[in-house]
Amino acid sequence: MPLSSDEPALADPVPAGGLPTGGRPVSVQDAIRRDIIAGVLTPGARITEASLAQRYDVSRVPVREALRGLESEGFIDSRPHVGSRVAPIPVHDADDLFAVREALEVATARSAARRAAALYSGDESPESWWHIRREIAALLDAGDAHVAADDLDPLVAINDQIHIAIAELSGSATMTRLLRQLSWKIEWLYAAAVQPRGKRLWPEHRVIVSAIDAGDGERAAALMAAHVRESRIGYLLRYGVTTPSSDPVVAAAVEERRTAGTGVART
């Protein structure tokens, strides 16, 4: 079926189930979300079940279900008798999204450290913990290698994987799920413009993980709070968000650095 005049031109069909992420097939909802975040489906673009079914080589039924899910996530706007369009990138919600992310990540870092303390005291020794911890070690090594090679683009995905893995160390499936959903929205924020990837904050990951390993919940929480807050400041600076942050500390830092003409690396 031909695309409508304001529908994005999507080249070749991409079977949703054949696109691996971390070794698992991608659902139709995952595939559409990925293309929205990547800018293949641009904000305001009209989309139809027929064109998406053709692109992802599926029937309309999973596409219809995927669009409902993406609407609930805020990626799609649908109106009766009008149809569906890709929602605007939530730039005006950026400060609030980072505030929620900070609260979530502080909680997961603290919980992960408490679980580590229990583990090393001999109260528990779940295999799932060690599996996730080995994944984090591999991600940290991979990130270090990319930094050393000045190959910074892969840091974005590695950064997200580390933060999700730390949430998994907390043992809270609810917080992990919420953080994953929030990470999608924040990654979409960064797609609002093409910017170089930074590396200044990368070494902080090992410091945070070390505090978790030591079972020091308060230090892990404080380090994570500072880490996410720095990303928040960097985003507000780099993307020219002029509305003052709801956090007075963040607002003051943004104003000070904007006046001084300095910026902050993202990752």
Protein backbone atom coordinates (compact mmCIF):
# COMPACT_ATOMS: atom_id res chain seq x y z
CA MET A 1 0.00 0.00 0.00
CA PRO A 2 1.45 3.42 -0.91
CA LEU A 3 2.27 5.84 1.88
CA SER A 4 0.26 9.00 2.35
CA SER A 5 1.81 12.30 1.33
CA ASP A 6 2.90 13.19 4.86
CA GLU A 7 3.89 9.70 5.90
CA PRO A 8 7.64 8.99 6.19
CA ALA A 9 9.20 7.09 3.32
CA LEU A 10 10.39 3.83 4.83
CA ALA A 11 12.74 1.94 2.59
CA ASP A 12 13.00 -1.83 2.91
CA PRO A 13 10.81 -4.08 5.07
CA VAL A 14 12.46 -4.84 8.40
CA PRO A 15 11.10 -7.99 10.08
CA ALA A 16 10.55 -7.11 13.72
CA GLY A 17 11.39 -10.56 15.05
CA GLY A 18 14.69 -10.63 13.21
CA LEU A 19 16.25 -7.60 14.86
CA PRO A 20 18.25 -8.78 17.87
CA THR A 21 18.80 -6.69 20.97
CA GLY A 22 20.95 -8.39 23.57
CA GLY A 23 20.30 -11.72 21.88
CA ARG A 24 16.48 -11.60 21.94
CA PRO A 25 14.03 -10.91 19.11
CA VAL A 26 12.61 -7.41 18.96
CA SER A 27 8.84 -7.09 19.28
CA VAL A 28 6.89 -4.91 16.89
CA GLN A 29 6.47 -2.35 19.66
CA ASP A 30 10.22 -2.37 20.34
CA ALA A 31 10.98 -1.99 16.64
CA ILE A 32 8.63 0.97 16.14
CA ARG A 33 9.90 2.64 19.30
CA ARG A 34 13.49 2.15 18.12
CA ASP A 35 12.70 3.81 14.80
CA ILE A 36 10.99 6.73 16.56
CA ILE A 37 13.97 7.29 18.85
CA ALA A 38 16.38 6.97 15.91
CA GLY A 39 14.41 9.53 13.90
CA VAL A 40 13.36 7.13 11.14
CA LEU A 41 9.79 7.97 12.17
CA THR A 42 9.90 11.70 12.81
CA PRO A 43 7.73 13.76 15.19
CA GLY A 44 4.43 14.67 13.57
CA ALA A 45 4.71 12.02 10.87
CA ARG A 46 1.43 10.26 10.08
CA ILE A 47 1.61 6.49 10.42
CA THR A 48 -0.86 3.78 9.44
CA GLU A 49 -1.25 0.17 10.43
CA ALA A 50 -0.89 -0.86 6.79
CA SER A 51 2.44 0.88 6.17
CA LEU A 52 3.92 -0.34 9.47
CA ALA A 53 2.72 -3.89 8.84
CA GLN A 54 4.49 -3.77 5.50
CA ARG A 55 7.68 -2.32 6.96
CA TYR A 56 7.99 -4.85 9.78
CA ASP A 57 6.64 -7.75 7.75
CA VAL A 58 3.80 -8.58 10.15
CA SER A 59 0.00 -8.49 10.10
CA ARG A 60 -1.96 -5.45 11.26
CA VAL A 61 -2.94 -7.06 14.57
CA PRO A 62 0.48 -6.79 16.31
CA VAL A 63 0.92 -3.31 14.82
CA ARG A 64 -2.41 -2.22 16.29
CA GLU A 65 -1.40 -3.60 19.70
CA ALA A 66 2.03 -1.96 19.43
CA LEU A 67 0.51 1.44 18.66
CA ARG A 68 -1.73 1.20 21.72
CA GLY A 69 1.31 0.43 23.86
CA LEU A 70 3.36 3.24 22.33
CA GLU A 71 0.50 5.67 22.86
CA SER A 72 0.47 4.82 26.56
CA GLU A 73 4.26 5.42 26.61
CA GLY A 74 3.83 8.84 24.97
CA PHE A 75 5.50 8.03 21.65
CA ILE A 76 2.30 8.05 19.57
CA ASP A 77 -0.66 10.44 19.42
CA SER A 78 -3.90 8.86 18.15
CA ARG A 79 -7.22 10.57 17.55
CA PRO A 80 -10.53 9.06 16.42
CA HIS A 81 -11.27 9.66 12.74
CA VAL A 82 -7.88 11.38 12.36
CA GLY A 83 -5.38 8.57 12.79
CA SER A 84 -2.00 8.22 14.46
CA ARG A 85 1.08 10.42 14.36
CA VAL A 86 4.45 10.29 16.04
CA ALA A 87 4.26 12.47 19.15
CA PRO A 88 6.48 15.55 19.61
CA ILE A 89 9.80 14.94 21.37
CA PRO A 90 9.08 15.90 25.02
CA VAL A 91 11.80 18.57 25.29
CA HIS A 92 9.65 20.70 27.60
CA ASP A 93 9.41 17.75 29.99
CA ALA A 94 13.17 17.16 30.02
CA ASP A 95 13.82 18.60 33.46
CA ASP A 96 10.99 16.59 35.01
CA LEU A 97 12.10 13.40 33.27
CA PHE A 98 15.62 13.80 34.64
CA ALA A 99 14.22 14.53 38.11
CA VAL A 100 12.25 11.28 38.04
CA ARG A 101 15.29 9.44 36.71
CA GLU A 102 17.42 10.76 39.57
CA ALA A 103 14.90 9.60 42.17
CA LEU A 104 14.66 6.15 40.58
CA GLU A 105 18.38 5.67 40.15
CA VAL A 106 19.20 6.83 43.67
CA ALA A 107 16.75 4.25 45.00
CA THR A 108 18.13 1.44 42.82
CA ALA A 109 21.76 2.23 43.69
CA ARG A 110 20.98 2.26 47.41
CA SER A 111 19.04 -1.01 47.18
CA ALA A 112 21.76 -2.65 45.10
CA ALA A 113 24.37 -1.73 47.72
CA ARG A 114 22.21 -3.10 50.52
CA ARG A 115 21.84 -6.37 48.64
CA ALA A 116 25.60 -6.47 48.16
CA ALA A 117 26.11 -5.98 51.90
CA ALA A 118 23.77 -8.87 52.62
CA LEU A 119 25.48 -11.01 50.00
CA TYR A 120 28.97 -10.47 51.33
CA SER A 121 27.85 -10.99 54.92
CA GLY A 122 26.71 -14.45 53.91
CA ASP A 123 22.97 -13.88 54.32
CA GLU A 124 22.30 -14.60 50.65
CA SER A 125 24.23 -15.43 47.50
CA PRO A 126 21.85 -15.41 44.53
CA GLU A 127 23.29 -16.59 41.23
CA SER A 128 21.29 -13.86 39.48
CA TRP A 129 23.36 -11.23 41.31
CA TRP A 130 26.65 -12.66 40.06
CA HIS A 131 25.31 -13.00 36.52
CA ILE A 132 24.32 -9.32 36.42
CA ARG A 133 27.54 -8.25 38.13
CA ARG A 134 29.59 -10.06 35.48
CA GLU A 135 27.57 -8.30 32.78
CA ILE A 136 28.36 -4.93 34.38
CA ALA A 137 32.06 -5.77 34.50
CA ALA A 138 32.02 -6.63 30.79
CA LEU A 139 30.14 -3.42 29.97
CA LEU A 140 32.62 -1.31 31.94
CA ASP A 141 35.54 -2.93 30.12
CA ALA A 142 33.83 -2.40 26.74
CA GLY A 143 33.18 1.26 27.56
CA ASP A 144 36.78 1.80 28.65
CA ALA A 145 37.97 0.34 25.34
CA HIS A 146 35.75 2.68 23.34
CA VAL A 147 36.92 5.68 25.37
CA ALA A 148 40.56 4.69 24.83
CA ALA A 149 39.92 4.45 21.08
CA ASP A 150 38.00 7.76 21.11
CA ASP A 151 35.07 5.83 19.61
CA LEU A 152 32.33 7.47 21.64
CA ASP A 153 29.05 6.65 19.89
CA PRO A 154 28.77 3.14 21.43
CA LEU A 155 29.00 4.70 24.92
CA VAL A 156 25.36 5.79 24.68
CA ALA A 157 23.98 2.25 24.52
CA ILE A 158 26.59 0.92 26.98
CA ASN A 159 25.74 3.68 29.44
CA ASP A 160 22.04 2.77 29.32
CA GLN A 161 22.81 -0.93 29.75
CA ILE A 162 24.92 -0.26 32.84
CA HIS A 163 22.22 1.83 34.50
CA ILE A 164 19.57 -0.80 33.77
CA ALA A 165 21.88 -3.53 35.10
CA ILE A 166 22.43 -1.59 38.34
CA ALA A 167 18.66 -1.37 38.69
CA GLU A 168 18.48 -5.15 38.20
CA LEU A 169 21.03 -5.56 41.03
CA SER A 170 18.51 -3.82 43.29
CA GLY A 171 16.21 -6.80 42.91
CA SER A 172 13.21 -4.57 42.13
CA ALA A 173 11.51 -5.59 38.90
CA THR A 174 9.18 -2.59 39.21
CA MET A 175 11.95 0.00 39.45
CA THR A 176 13.89 -1.71 36.66
CA ARG A 177 10.85 -1.61 34.39
CA LEU A 178 10.18 2.05 35.19
CA LEU A 179 13.80 2.99 34.58
CA ARG A 180 13.85 1.16 31.26
CA GLN A 181 10.75 3.06 30.11
CA LEU A 182 12.21 6.34 31.32
CA SER A 183 15.51 5.63 29.54
CA TRP A 184 13.65 5.33 26.24
CA LYS A 185 12.13 8.79 26.72
CA ILE A 186 15.44 10.35 27.72
CA GLU A 187 17.23 8.78 24.75
CA TRP A 188 14.51 10.30 22.57
CA LEU A 189 15.26 13.69 24.12
CA TYR A 190 18.84 13.43 22.90
CA ALA A 191 17.57 12.70 19.39
CA ALA A 192 16.17 16.24 19.20
CA ALA A 193 19.46 17.38 17.68
CA VAL A 194 22.73 15.88 16.54
CA GLN A 195 25.37 16.43 19.20
CA PRO A 196 28.79 14.93 19.79
CA ARG A 197 28.97 12.26 22.49
CA GLY A 198 30.91 13.09 25.60
CA LYS A 199 33.10 10.94 27.82
CA ARG A 200 33.81 13.12 30.85
CA LEU A 201 31.32 11.33 33.10
CA TRP A 202 32.22 7.82 31.98
CA PRO A 203 34.73 7.04 34.81
CA GLU A 204 32.02 7.73 37.41
CA HIS A 205 30.38 4.39 36.58
CA ARG A 206 33.21 2.40 38.13
CA VAL A 207 33.12 4.56 41.26
CA ILE A 208 29.37 3.99 41.65
CA VAL A 209 29.73 0.24 41.12
CA SER A 210 32.59 0.14 43.65
CA ALA A 211 30.34 1.75 46.27
CA ILE A 212 27.66 -0.84 45.50
CA ASP A 213 30.19 -3.67 45.82
CA ALA A 214 31.27 -2.25 49.16
CA GLY A 215 27.69 -2.37 50.40
CA ASP A 216 27.73 1.38 51.10
CA GLY A 217 24.15 2.34 50.26
CA GLU A 218 24.39 6.01 51.15
CA ARG A 219 27.59 6.57 49.20
CA ALA A 220 26.23 4.69 46.19
CA ALA A 221 23.04 6.78 46.32
CA ALA A 222 24.95 10.06 46.64
CA LEU A 223 27.29 9.19 43.77
CA MET A 224 24.39 8.18 41.54
CA ALA A 225 22.49 11.37 42.38
CA ALA A 226 25.48 13.52 41.41
CA HIS A 227 26.03 11.49 38.24
CA VAL A 228 22.45 11.83 36.98
CA ARG A 229 22.27 15.48 38.05
CA GLU A 230 25.34 16.25 35.96
CA SER A 231 23.65 14.66 32.94
CA ARG A 232 20.58 16.77 33.67
CA ILE A 233 22.64 19.97 33.80
CA GLY A 234 24.45 18.99 30.62
CA TYR A 235 21.22 18.38 28.74
CA LEU A 236 19.64 21.67 29.79
CA LEU A 237 22.79 23.50 28.72
CA ARG A 238 23.45 21.71 25.46
CA TYR A 239 19.89 21.84 24.19
CA GLY A 240 19.28 25.43 25.19
CA VAL A 241 16.38 24.77 27.58
CA THR A 242 15.61 28.21 28.99
CA THR A 243 12.92 27.32 31.55
CA PRO A 244 14.67 27.18 34.95
CA SER A 245 15.02 23.72 36.46
CA SER A 246 12.67 22.78 39.29
CA ASP A 247 15.76 21.86 41.30
CA PRO A 248 17.38 25.09 42.56
CA VAL A 249 20.83 23.47 42.64
CA VAL A 250 20.48 22.41 38.99
CA ALA A 251 19.05 25.80 38.01
CA ALA A 252 21.97 27.62 39.65
CA ALA A 253 24.54 25.35 38.00
CA VAL A 254 22.96 25.81 34.57
CA GLU A 255 22.89 29.59 34.95
CA GLU A 256 26.48 29.73 36.22
CA ARG A 257 27.85 27.59 33.38
CA ARG A 258 25.74 29.30 30.75
CA THR A 259 27.08 32.66 31.90
CA ALA A 260 30.63 31.30 31.87
CA GLY A 261 30.07 29.79 28.43
CA THR A 262 30.95 26.23 29.48
CA GLY A 263 29.13 22.99 28.75
CA VAL A 264 29.00 19.49 30.15
CA ALA A 265 29.56 16.14 28.48
CA ARG A 266 26.56 13.90 28.28
CA THR A 267 27.88 10.48 29.20
